[in-house]
Every structure is written in C-alpha cells, then in structure tokens.
Amino acid sequence: MNEHRPAPWWRADIHQDRRPFLTARGAITRATRGWFEARGFTEVEGAALQVSPGNEAHLHAFSTEIIGDSGERRPLYLHTSPEFACKKLLAAGETRIFDFARVWRNRERGPLHHPEFTLLEWYRTHEPYKQLMADCADLLALAAETTGAKTLSYRQVSADPFQEPERLSLQEAFERFAGIDLLATASASGETDREGLAAAARDAGVRVSDDDVWADIYSKVLVEKIEPNLGIGRPTILCEYPISEAALARPKPADPRVAERFELYACGVELANAFGELSDPVEQRRRFQAEMDEKARVYGERYPIDEDFLAALPHMPPACGSALGFDRLVMLATGARRIEDVIWTPMAEPFS
C-alpha cells in the first residue's frame, strides 16, 4: 500500500474534523431552498443518464451503456450539468425552476475539483439575464449569513459577500490585467484572429505554443493574468464573453461580438456560470458541432448531440439560467481548504 496515500475520510477522527463543514453544508442547503421557494421557484430533478453529457470541448464525461430487453446496447453518459433536461422542462411550460443536481466530470480532481459534485442550477423565463447577477449576489450573502461568516475566504484571500459585486467585461479585464485588446481578435461571426492574439499574449508574458489555437491562447491569458485578480475584496462578475466562448448563450443585442454570459468569482475562485439562453436550434447545432470538432482535435473523441434537446429549443420561451458550484460556495462560506472537506462521502483515492 502506498505510504503517502491520504488517510480515509471515514476514520472517526478525520470525520469529526470535517463534520462542522458538513453540518454547515446542510444549513446552507436548507436556506438556499427556502430562498428559491420564497420566490416562486419549483425544485426539479433532472435525470443523470443522458444520450449526451454536454457538448463543450473541454468537459469530459463518464460513459456507460443501457441494455435493452433483447440485449441491444447503446451508450449513455452521466451528465456534466442538468442544463439540457432543465431547458426541456422550460419548453414543457415550467417558468422558474431550480435543481440541486449531482453531476459528474472526468479528468477533474484537486482542491477545487471532485469527479462527483453538486451544481445548483436555476432558470427564469421572460426575465432579463442581469437578474441572475442579483441572484448570485443574494446567494453569496445568504451562505455567509447562514454560517455567520463576515467574509468569504480561500487560501488567505478574502471577499466581502455583502458588497455588491464588481462588474467587469472580458474586454475590460484583458485590457486591465494583460494589456490586450481582446475584441480586436474576435468577430460577431465567431471567427478569430489567432496570430493577433498570440502576439499580444507574448507581449503580456504568456507562453504561446505553435499548435495553440485562438481558444488555447485565450484560456492561458484568462488563467494566468485575469482570474487571480478576480473576487479580491469583493465578488466579481466577469461578463460579455466573446461569442466563440459561449456555446449556449445568445449574442448581446448591443454588440453581437459578445454573448450574454457571465461568471461569478470570489477569492479568485470561479463560482457560477450564467447565460441568456440561446434558443435557435440551427445556430445551437452549428456551435455544438464546432465544439465537438475542437474536442476531436485536442482529445480524439466526440460526444453525440442530443437531438431531442434541439427539437425542444424552439418551444423554449426566452430564458436565462445559471449554474453555481454549490460545494465551492460552502467551502468559501466555511473556510474549508479542500472541496472534499464539504462532501459527505468523497470518492476514495485509487490504490497504487
């Protein structure tokens, strides 16, 4: 047995150390449910088994198969988000819904990542996308109030959950923290200028490889130069993503180069991802295919497209939705060091 293998979570002494975080998780869960129910939301439960786990290039799913009565087999996947199921419910007539969804993502494990975790997703129909920004601010404050925390904290970085979040566009963030004119390299059609962004990134001190495409360079700048500066002192809402980086979001009417997408950060940690939802099935199919082409290029695999989801999209009313990493929220509200401290039964480390 590997002598460096961590002690199991079920050891009584370790469980007692973790238990305050876990009971706080329960309190935040109850408070959050109450917050949604007081605003007329219905709690739903999206099925975990799906024909497609999602079609984002860099998300990796767990796969399985279903066996029919006559022995025929076909692949299924554990969902990486309840998004497809929730949008079908909007098409069916639901108007305000939320889901404490257990989801699965492969190739992800670390202080902020666990292969099985909880996404809190909620959707509003016929309401402005910016309402989700107010929702996120309310939920941060609610978590802190529930635990009695004056600040959110992670790795000696803190943020005041009771302050209104700073709003910062991707264009402003790239200019402020990297000196890069991002939208000079992105168009409303989704086409991008790889060489222009590569040159600007190198000038900013970011290493660019010869085989990096525009999206790779964008991600490197975001991770190295932008994200460490977000949610420091108070939360940050990073918004107006280039259209090529928002596969499920509709374009912003005033500037079609960017999408109605934002992410919420606190203490340098990404907490939520929100969209004004795209409802054009033709455009959605095009974006899914582009994402799967990129997945095939980088990882040599692709996931099927959920045709039932595309069929439902034209019946979905104008909507907006957000996915918040609930375990991470509990971490920041309790001061836990690792995501596994706030998960009741973490996945065991593999034997080596």
Foldseek 3Di string as FASTA:
>chain_A
DPPPFDDACPDVVNVVVLVVLQVLLVLLVVLVVVVQVVVPAAEDEADQKALFQDQFQPWAWDKDWDADPVGDIDIITGHQDSVLVVLLVLLVPHAKYWYQYWGATPPFDDQETARTATKIKIKHFPDDQCVVLVVVLVSLVSSLVSLVHQWFDAPRFTAGSNDRAAEAEPQRQCCPFQVDRQLVQFALVGHGNQVRLCVSLVVSVFDDDPPDGNVNSVVSCCVPTGLQPAQGHHKHKYFFAQPLPCLFAAADPVGSRTTGWIWIDHRSDTWKIKHQGDLQLVSSVVSSVVSQVSSCVPPVDGRDDDVVSSVSSVSRGGMMMMIGRSLVSSCRSVVPHGSVSNDSRGDRDDDD
